Amino acid sequence: MTIISIEGASAVGKTATSTALARANQAFHVPEVAAWWEKPQRAYPEWFFERQLDRWNIALEKELHTQVIIDIDLFQPFWYNWSFDFTLFDGQSLDFVENFYRPLIKQQKLGFPDTYFVLYTDEANLRQRKAGDSTRLRRGFELNVQFIEPHKRYFKALNEFCPGLVHFIESVDIESNIEKIRNELPHCNDKHRYSIELFDFMINWLSTHQANEGEQYEKDMYRF
């Protein structure tokens, strides 16, 4: 079977696409952490990471019988923290996150999805969709808007290292999202599932690039 992950900014349509695709394909939808677990008031630093491991184990179990769709990347703690210069979540460093994940990758207890489908649209559309959705508060929307460009650069880098790992889909509506994903599903493969080389590339890329370096480059271009 196949394990895919659907990614993108807040209000881009990740959950709506994931759930609709699961219904259409009779697949299993693994929702984001907050949908299944309530964070304890005194959560220890690794609590969120452990829930990603739980989601992976559920995906593996369900993959024996059907296709699996993971809503939001299991490796989110890496690129999300990086997008904000590792200042969030009590300043969890890249080393801190890596030290939790690396043994799990080596022991093949946690892996990469067969394919990432990254949904995107412009900020005006995101704001319009947020305003039109009365079912969710999206308290972190303004914060999440800030990672759109770093997020895109990160996933482009992953795909350059591992061609075919990531597909970018312009999120026009749920039906077209599903159609585009379905067209790519036959080409998904799990050869990189427990790739320590891919993991090492991810760590090296995050450690040698800054989230705001594209913005800084533009500033430098026009400094004089």
C-alpha atoms as a PDB file:
ATOM      1  CA  MET A   1       0.000   0.000   0.000  1.00  0.00           C
ATOM      2  CA  THR A   2       0.946   3.671   0.130  1.00  0.00           C
ATOM      3  CA  ILE A   3       1.576   6.288   2.825  1.00  0.00           C
ATOM      4  CA  ILE A   4       1.368   9.915   1.696  1.00  0.00           C
ATOM      5  CA  SER A   5       1.490  13.183   3.601  1.00  0.00           C
ATOM      6  CA  ILE A   6      -0.414  16.356   2.743  1.00  0.00           C
ATOM      7  CA  GLU A   7       1.221  19.655   3.683  1.00  0.00           C
ATOM      8  CA  GLY A   8       0.696  23.381   3.258  1.00  0.00           C
ATOM      9  CA  ALA A   9      -0.101  26.615   5.049  1.00  0.00           C
ATOM     10  CA  SER A  10      -3.022  27.171   7.401  1.00  0.00           C
ATOM     11  CA  ALA A  11      -6.346  27.422   5.481  1.00  0.00           C
ATOM     12  CA  VAL A  12      -4.869  26.013   2.254  1.00  0.00           C
ATOM     13  CA  GLY A  13      -7.135  22.955   2.452  1.00  0.00           C
ATOM     14  CA  LYS A  14      -4.951  20.225   3.984  1.00  0.00           C
ATOM     15  CA  THR A  15      -7.561  18.664   6.231  1.00  0.00           C
ATOM     16  CA  ALA A  16     -10.467  19.102   3.822  1.00  0.00           C
ATOM     17  CA  THR A  17      -8.432  17.505   1.031  1.00  0.00           C
ATOM     18  CA  SER A  18      -7.138  14.717   3.275  1.00  0.00           C
ATOM     19  CA  THR A  19     -10.560  13.722   4.564  1.00  0.00           C
ATOM     20  CA  ALA A  20     -12.225  13.980   1.140  1.00  0.00           C
ATOM     21  CA  LEU A  21      -9.472  11.922  -0.490  1.00  0.00           C
ATOM     22  CA  ALA A  22      -9.751   9.302   2.252  1.00  0.00           C
ATOM     23  CA  ARG A  23     -13.490   8.988   1.618  1.00  0.00           C
ATOM     24  CA  ALA A  24     -13.074   8.844  -2.153  1.00  0.00           C
ATOM     25  CA  ASN A  25     -10.279   6.237  -2.045  1.00  0.00           C
ATOM     26  CA  GLN A  26     -11.543   4.321   0.994  1.00  0.00           C
ATOM     27  CA  ALA A  27      -8.227   5.205   2.587  1.00  0.00           C
ATOM     28  CA  PHE A  28      -7.321   5.908   6.215  1.00  0.00           C
ATOM     29  CA  HIS A  29      -6.850   9.513   7.330  1.00  0.00           C
ATOM     30  CA  VAL A  30      -4.339  10.198  10.116  1.00  0.00           C
ATOM     31  CA  PRO A  31      -5.230  13.686  11.417  1.00  0.00           C
ATOM     32  CA  GLU A  32      -2.939  16.228  13.016  1.00  0.00           C
ATOM     33  CA  VAL A  33      -1.873  15.708  16.628  1.00  0.00           C
ATOM     34  CA  ALA A  34      -4.389  18.155  18.125  1.00  0.00           C
ATOM     35  CA  ALA A  35      -7.301  16.208  16.626  1.00  0.00           C
ATOM     36  CA  TRP A  36      -6.501  13.033  18.576  1.00  0.00           C
ATOM     37  CA  TRP A  37      -4.501  14.086  21.619  1.00  0.00           C
ATOM     38  CA  GLU A  38      -4.975  16.824  24.192  1.00  0.00           C
ATOM     39  CA  LYS A  39      -1.686  18.350  25.191  1.00  0.00           C
ATOM     40  CA  PRO A  40      -1.135  18.077  28.963  1.00  0.00           C
ATOM     41  CA  GLN A  41      -0.706  21.283  30.925  1.00  0.00           C
ATOM     42  CA  ARG A  42       2.812  20.272  31.899  1.00  0.00           C
ATOM     43  CA  ALA A  43       3.958  18.596  28.707  1.00  0.00           C
ATOM     44  CA  TYR A  44       7.601  17.497  28.648  1.00  0.00           C
ATOM     45  CA  PRO A  45       9.686  18.690  25.640  1.00  0.00           C
ATOM     46  CA  GLU A  46       9.446  15.415  23.701  1.00  0.00           C
ATOM     47  CA  TRP A  47       5.674  15.002  24.116  1.00  0.00           C
ATOM     48  CA  PHE A  48       4.819  16.348  20.641  1.00  0.00           C
ATOM     49  CA  PHE A  49       7.581  14.272  19.015  1.00  0.00           C
ATOM     50  CA  GLU A  50       6.218  11.110  20.602  1.00  0.00           C
ATOM     51  CA  ARG A  51       2.801  11.794  19.102  1.00  0.00           C
ATOM     52  CA  GLN A  52       4.427  11.868  15.657  1.00  0.00           C
ATOM     53  CA  LEU A  53       5.796   8.402  16.385  1.00  0.00           C
ATOM     54  CA  ASP A  54       2.298   7.317  17.413  1.00  0.00           C
ATOM     55  CA  ARG A  55       0.888   8.641  14.149  1.00  0.00           C
ATOM     56  CA  TRP A  56       3.520   6.728  12.173  1.00  0.00           C
ATOM     57  CA  ASN A  57       2.743   3.482  13.985  1.00  0.00           C
ATOM     58  CA  ILE A  58      -0.946   3.940  13.228  1.00  0.00           C
ATOM     59  CA  ALA A  59      -0.096   4.614   9.572  1.00  0.00           C
ATOM     60  CA  LEU A  60       1.985   1.413   9.361  1.00  0.00           C
ATOM     61  CA  GLU A  61      -0.792  -0.642  10.920  1.00  0.00           C
ATOM     62  CA  LYS A  62      -3.428   0.732   8.560  1.00  0.00           C
ATOM     63  CA  GLU A  63      -1.139   0.481   5.512  1.00  0.00           C
ATOM     64  CA  LEU A  64      -1.428  -3.310   5.704  1.00  0.00           C
ATOM     65  CA  HIS A  65      -5.013  -2.993   4.504  1.00  0.00           C
ATOM     66  CA  THR A  66      -5.412   0.356   2.749  1.00  0.00           C
ATOM     67  CA  GLN A  67      -3.846   3.596   1.570  1.00  0.00           C
ATOM     68  CA  VAL A  68      -2.896   6.050   4.331  1.00  0.00           C
ATOM     69  CA  ILE A  69      -3.064   9.852   4.254  1.00  0.00           C
ATOM     70  CA  ILE A  70      -1.137  11.713   6.955  1.00  0.00           C
ATOM     71  CA  ASP A  71      -2.442  15.212   7.602  1.00  0.00           C
ATOM     72  CA  ILE A  72       0.638  17.395   8.322  1.00  0.00           C
ATOM     73  CA  ASP A  73       4.230  16.191   8.144  1.00  0.00           C
ATOM     74  CA  LEU A  74       5.621  13.906  10.871  1.00  0.00           C
ATOM     75  CA  PHE A  75       8.875  15.873  10.589  1.00  0.00           C
ATOM     76  CA  GLN A  76       7.162  19.204  11.218  1.00  0.00           C
ATOM     77  CA  PRO A  77       9.207  19.892  14.394  1.00  0.00           C
ATOM     78  CA  PHE A  78      12.287  20.326  12.189  1.00  0.00           C
ATOM     79  CA  TRP A  79      11.171  22.814   9.556  1.00  0.00           C
ATOM     80  CA  TYR A  80       8.607  24.621  11.717  1.00  0.00           C
ATOM     81  CA  ASN A  81      11.112  25.332  14.478  1.00  0.00           C
ATOM     82  CA  TRP A  82      13.704  26.278  11.846  1.00  0.00           C
ATOM     83  CA  SER A  83      11.262  28.720  10.230  1.00  0.00           C
ATOM     84  CA  PHE A  84      11.305  30.720  13.460  1.00  0.00           C
ATOM     85  CA  ASP A  85      15.031  30.404  14.159  1.00  0.00           C
ATOM     86  CA  PHE A  86      14.383  27.799  16.870  1.00  0.00           C
ATOM     87  CA  THR A  87      12.901  30.411  19.207  1.00  0.00           C
ATOM     88  CA  LEU A  88       9.584  28.628  19.792  1.00  0.00           C
ATOM     89  CA  PHE A  89       8.741  25.761  22.152  1.00  0.00           C
ATOM     90  CA  ASP A  90      11.253  26.839  24.810  1.00  0.00           C
ATOM     91  CA  GLY A  91      13.966  27.179  22.198  1.00  0.00           C
ATOM     92  CA  GLN A  92      14.175  23.539  21.086  1.00  0.00           C
ATOM     93  CA  SER A  93      17.346  23.410  18.988  1.00  0.00           C
ATOM     94  CA  LEU A  94      17.935  21.459  15.790  1.00  0.00           C
ATOM     95  CA  ASP A  95      20.251  19.151  17.753  1.00  0.00           C
ATOM     96  CA  PHE A  96      17.535  18.528  20.316  1.00  0.00           C
ATOM     97  CA  VAL A  97      14.995  17.486  17.679  1.00  0.00           C
ATOM     98  CA  GLU A  98      17.571  15.470  15.732  1.00  0.00           C
ATOM     99  CA  ASN A  99      18.608  13.513  18.820  1.00  0.00           C
ATOM    100  CA  PHE A 100      15.032  12.322  19.267  1.00  0.00           C
ATOM    101  CA  TYR A 101      14.403  11.387  15.632  1.00  0.00           C
ATOM    102  CA  ARG A 102      17.745   9.915  14.519  1.00  0.00           C
ATOM    103  CA  PRO A 103      17.645   6.678  16.545  1.00  0.00           C
ATOM    104  CA  LEU A 104      14.078   6.068  15.367  1.00  0.00           C
ATOM    105  CA  ILE A 105      15.094   6.439  11.714  1.00  0.00           C
ATOM    106  CA  LYS A 106      18.102   4.123  12.194  1.00  0.00           C
ATOM    107  CA  GLN A 107      15.938   1.512  13.915  1.00  0.00           C
ATOM    108  CA  GLN A 108      13.243   1.907  11.236  1.00  0.00           C
ATOM    109  CA  LYS A 109      10.679   2.874  13.855  1.00  0.00           C
ATOM    110  CA  LEU A 110       9.765   6.119  12.089  1.00  0.00           C
ATOM    111  CA  GLY A 111      10.045   6.971   8.417  1.00  0.00           C
ATOM    112  CA  PHE A 112       9.281   9.317   5.565  1.00  0.00           C
ATOM    113  CA  PRO A 113       6.036   9.120   3.587  1.00  0.00           C
ATOM    114  CA  ASP A 114       6.172   7.754   0.067  1.00  0.00           C
ATOM    115  CA  THR A 115       5.231  11.186  -1.275  1.00  0.00           C
ATOM    116  CA  TYR A 116       4.541  14.650   0.104  1.00  0.00           C
ATOM    117  CA  PHE A 117       1.777  16.634  -1.557  1.00  0.00           C
ATOM    118  CA  VAL A 118       2.333  20.299  -0.707  1.00  0.00           C
ATOM    119  CA  LEU A 119      -0.733  22.450  -1.331  1.00  0.00           C
ATOM    120  CA  TYR A 120      -0.220  26.146  -2.002  1.00  0.00           C
ATOM    121  CA  THR A 121      -2.074  29.327  -2.906  1.00  0.00           C
ATOM    122  CA  ASP A 122      -1.403  33.035  -2.429  1.00  0.00           C
ATOM    123  CA  GLU A 123      -1.817  34.812   0.897  1.00  0.00           C
ATOM    124  CA  ALA A 124      -4.948  36.689  -0.200  1.00  0.00           C
ATOM    125  CA  ASN A 125      -6.708  33.376  -0.888  1.00  0.00           C
ATOM    126  CA  LEU A 126      -5.576  31.988   2.456  1.00  0.00           C
ATOM    127  CA  ARG A 127      -7.024  34.984   4.277  1.00  0.00           C
ATOM    128  CA  GLN A 128     -10.258  34.747   2.323  1.00  0.00           C
ATOM    129  CA  ARG A 129     -10.601  31.044   3.135  1.00  0.00           C
ATOM    130  CA  LYS A 130      -9.853  31.659   6.798  1.00  0.00           C
ATOM    131  CA  ALA A 131     -12.521  34.359   6.951  1.00  0.00           C
ATOM    132  CA  GLY A 132     -15.052  32.087   5.256  1.00  0.00           C
ATOM    133  CA  ASP A 133     -14.488  29.110   7.574  1.00  0.00           C
ATOM    134  CA  SER A 134     -16.536  29.473  10.748  1.00  0.00           C
ATOM    135  CA  THR A 135     -15.735  25.930  11.930  1.00  0.00           C
ATOM    136  CA  ARG A 136     -12.132  26.656  12.961  1.00  0.00           C
ATOM    137  CA  LEU A 137     -10.586  29.555  14.886  1.00  0.00           C
ATOM    138  CA  ARG A 138      -7.061  29.133  13.453  1.00  0.00           C
ATOM    139  CA  ARG A 139      -5.467  31.072  16.299  1.00  0.00           C
ATOM    140  CA  GLY A 140      -1.983  30.488  14.874  1.00  0.00           C
ATOM    141  CA  PHE A 141      -2.836  31.739  11.393  1.00  0.00           C
ATOM    142  CA  GLU A 142      -0.768  34.956  11.484  1.00  0.00           C
ATOM    143  CA  LEU A 143       2.235  33.068  12.798  1.00  0.00           C
ATOM    144  CA  ASN A 144       1.879  30.354  10.191  1.00  0.00           C
ATOM    145  CA  VAL A 145       1.721  32.840   7.313  1.00  0.00           C
ATOM    146  CA  GLN A 146       5.327  33.685   8.142  1.00  0.00           C
ATOM    147  CA  PHE A 147       6.622  30.220   7.285  1.00  0.00           C
ATOM    148  CA  ILE A 148       5.095  29.976   3.794  1.00  0.00           C
ATOM    149  CA  GLU A 149       8.247  30.915   1.880  1.00  0.00           C
ATOM    150  CA  PRO A 150      10.741  29.047   4.122  1.00  0.00           C
ATOM    151  CA  HIS A 151       8.401  26.030   3.988  1.00  0.00           C
ATOM    152  CA  LYS A 152       8.430  26.109   0.164  1.00  0.00           C
ATOM    153  CA  ARG A 153      12.218  26.367   0.001  1.00  0.00           C
ATOM    154  CA  TYR A 154      12.645  23.453   2.395  1.00  0.00           C
ATOM    155  CA  PHE A 155      10.395  21.092   0.457  1.00  0.00           C
ATOM    156  CA  LYS A 156      11.946  22.124  -2.865  1.00  0.00           C
ATOM    157  CA  ALA A 157      15.356  21.212  -1.422  1.00  0.00           C
ATOM    158  CA  LEU A 158      14.074  17.798  -0.293  1.00  0.00           C
ATOM    159  CA  ASN A 159      12.717  17.125  -3.752  1.00  0.00           C
ATOM    160  CA  GLU A 160      15.973  18.125  -5.432  1.00  0.00           C
ATOM    161  CA  PHE A 161      17.804  15.612  -3.261  1.00  0.00           C
ATOM    162  CA  CYS A 162      15.150  12.917  -3.662  1.00  0.00           C
ATOM    163  CA  PRO A 163      13.310  13.547  -6.963  1.00  0.00           C
ATOM    164  CA  GLY A 164       9.645  12.628  -6.823  1.00  0.00           C
ATOM    165  CA  LEU A 165       9.442  12.853  -3.042  1.00  0.00           C
ATOM    166  CA  VAL A 166       7.473  16.129  -3.176  1.00  0.00           C
ATOM    167  CA  HIS A 167       4.690  17.292  -5.476  1.00  0.00           C
ATOM    168  CA  PHE A 168       3.471  20.894  -5.313  1.00  0.00           C
ATOM    169  CA  ILE A 169      -0.220  21.355  -6.040  1.00  0.00           C
ATOM    170  CA  GLU A 170      -1.938  24.693  -6.494  1.00  0.00           C
ATOM    171  CA  SER A 171      -4.961  24.438  -4.225  1.00  0.00           C
ATOM    172  CA  VAL A 172      -7.856  25.711  -6.326  1.00  0.00           C
ATOM    173  CA  ASP A 173     -10.590  23.535  -4.828  1.00  0.00           C
ATOM    174  CA  ILE A 174     -10.872  20.162  -3.091  1.00  0.00           C
ATOM    175  CA  GLU A 175     -12.019  18.276  -6.198  1.00  0.00           C
ATOM    176  CA  SER A 176      -9.058  19.400  -8.310  1.00  0.00           C
ATOM    177  CA  ASN A 177      -6.658  18.711  -5.413  1.00  0.00           C
ATOM    178  CA  ILE A 178      -7.930  15.140  -5.218  1.00  0.00           C
ATOM    179  CA  GLU A 179      -7.698  14.630  -8.960  1.00  0.00           C
ATOM    180  CA  LYS A 180      -4.102  15.858  -9.080  1.00  0.00           C
ATOM    181  CA  ILE A 181      -3.080  13.671  -6.136  1.00  0.00           C
ATOM    182  CA  ARG A 182      -4.773  10.625  -7.620  1.00  0.00           C
ATOM    183  CA  ASN A 183      -2.871  11.119 -10.868  1.00  0.00           C
ATOM    184  CA  GLU A 184       0.432  10.911  -8.991  1.00  0.00           C
ATOM    185  CA  LEU A 185      -0.391   8.035  -6.629  1.00  0.00           C
ATOM    186  CA  PRO A 186       0.694   5.273  -9.070  1.00  0.00           C
ATOM    187  CA  HIS A 187       4.196   6.790  -9.123  1.00  0.00           C
ATOM    188  CA  CYS A 188       4.693   6.802  -5.332  1.00  0.00           C
ATOM    189  CA  ASN A 189       7.391   4.535  -3.901  1.00  0.00           C
ATOM    190  CA  ASP A 190       8.790   3.759  -0.463  1.00  0.00           C
ATOM    191  CA  LYS A 191      12.469   3.259  -1.364  1.00  0.00           C
ATOM    192  CA  HIS A 192      13.469   6.257   0.768  1.00  0.00           C
ATOM    193  CA  ARG A 193      11.187   5.385   3.704  1.00  0.00           C
ATOM    194  CA  TYR A 194      13.983   4.832   6.222  1.00  0.00           C
ATOM    195  CA  SER A 195      16.746   6.634   4.320  1.00  0.00           C
ATOM    196  CA  ILE A 196      19.386   7.911   6.712  1.00  0.00           C
ATOM    197  CA  GLU A 197      20.910   9.732   3.719  1.00  0.00           C
ATOM    198  CA  LEU A 198      17.700  11.720   3.252  1.00  0.00           C
ATOM    199  CA  PHE A 199      17.577  12.429   6.975  1.00  0.00           C
ATOM    200  CA  ASP A 200      21.216  13.591   6.964  1.00  0.00           C
ATOM    201  CA  PHE A 201      20.528  15.857   3.990  1.00  0.00           C
ATOM    202  CA  MET A 202      17.564  17.383   5.804  1.00  0.00           C
ATOM    203  CA  ILE A 203      19.641  18.084   8.910  1.00  0.00           C
ATOM    204  CA  ASN A 204      22.552  19.509   6.911  1.00  0.00           C
ATOM    205  CA  TRP A 205      20.286  21.729   4.811  1.00  0.00           C
ATOM    206  CA  LEU A 206      18.486  23.143   7.835  1.00  0.00           C
ATOM    207  CA  SER A 207      21.765  23.767   9.643  1.00  0.00           C
ATOM    208  CA  THR A 208      23.325  25.634   6.702  1.00  0.00           C
ATOM    209  CA  HIS A 209      20.342  27.743   5.600  1.00  0.00           C
ATOM    210  CA  GLN A 210      18.436  30.475   7.371  1.00  0.00           C
ATOM    211  CA  ALA A 211      14.680  30.733   7.137  1.00  0.00           C
ATOM    212  CA  ASN A 212      14.826  34.422   6.175  1.00  0.00           C
ATOM    213  CA  GLU A 213      17.839  34.244   3.868  1.00  0.00           C
ATOM    214  CA  GLY A 214      15.738  34.756   0.726  1.00  0.00           C
ATOM    215  CA  GLU A 215      14.275  37.927   2.213  1.00  0.00           C
ATOM    216  CA  GLN A 216      17.717  39.075   3.364  1.00  0.00           C
ATOM    217  CA  TYR A 217      19.135  38.471  -0.123  1.00  0.00           C
ATOM    218  CA  GLU A 218      16.529  40.775  -1.646  1.00  0.00           C
ATOM    219  CA  LYS A 219      17.336  43.451   0.927  1.00  0.00           C
ATOM    220  CA  ASP A 220      21.035  43.197   0.140  1.00  0.00           C
ATOM    221  CA  MET A 221      20.340  43.507  -3.597  1.00  0.00           C
ATOM    222  CA  TYR A 222      18.754  46.904  -3.092  1.00  0.00           C
ATOM    223  CA  ARG A 223      20.940  48.179  -0.264  1.00  0.00           C
ATOM    224  CA  PHE A 224      22.851  50.526  -2.573  1.00  0.00           C
END
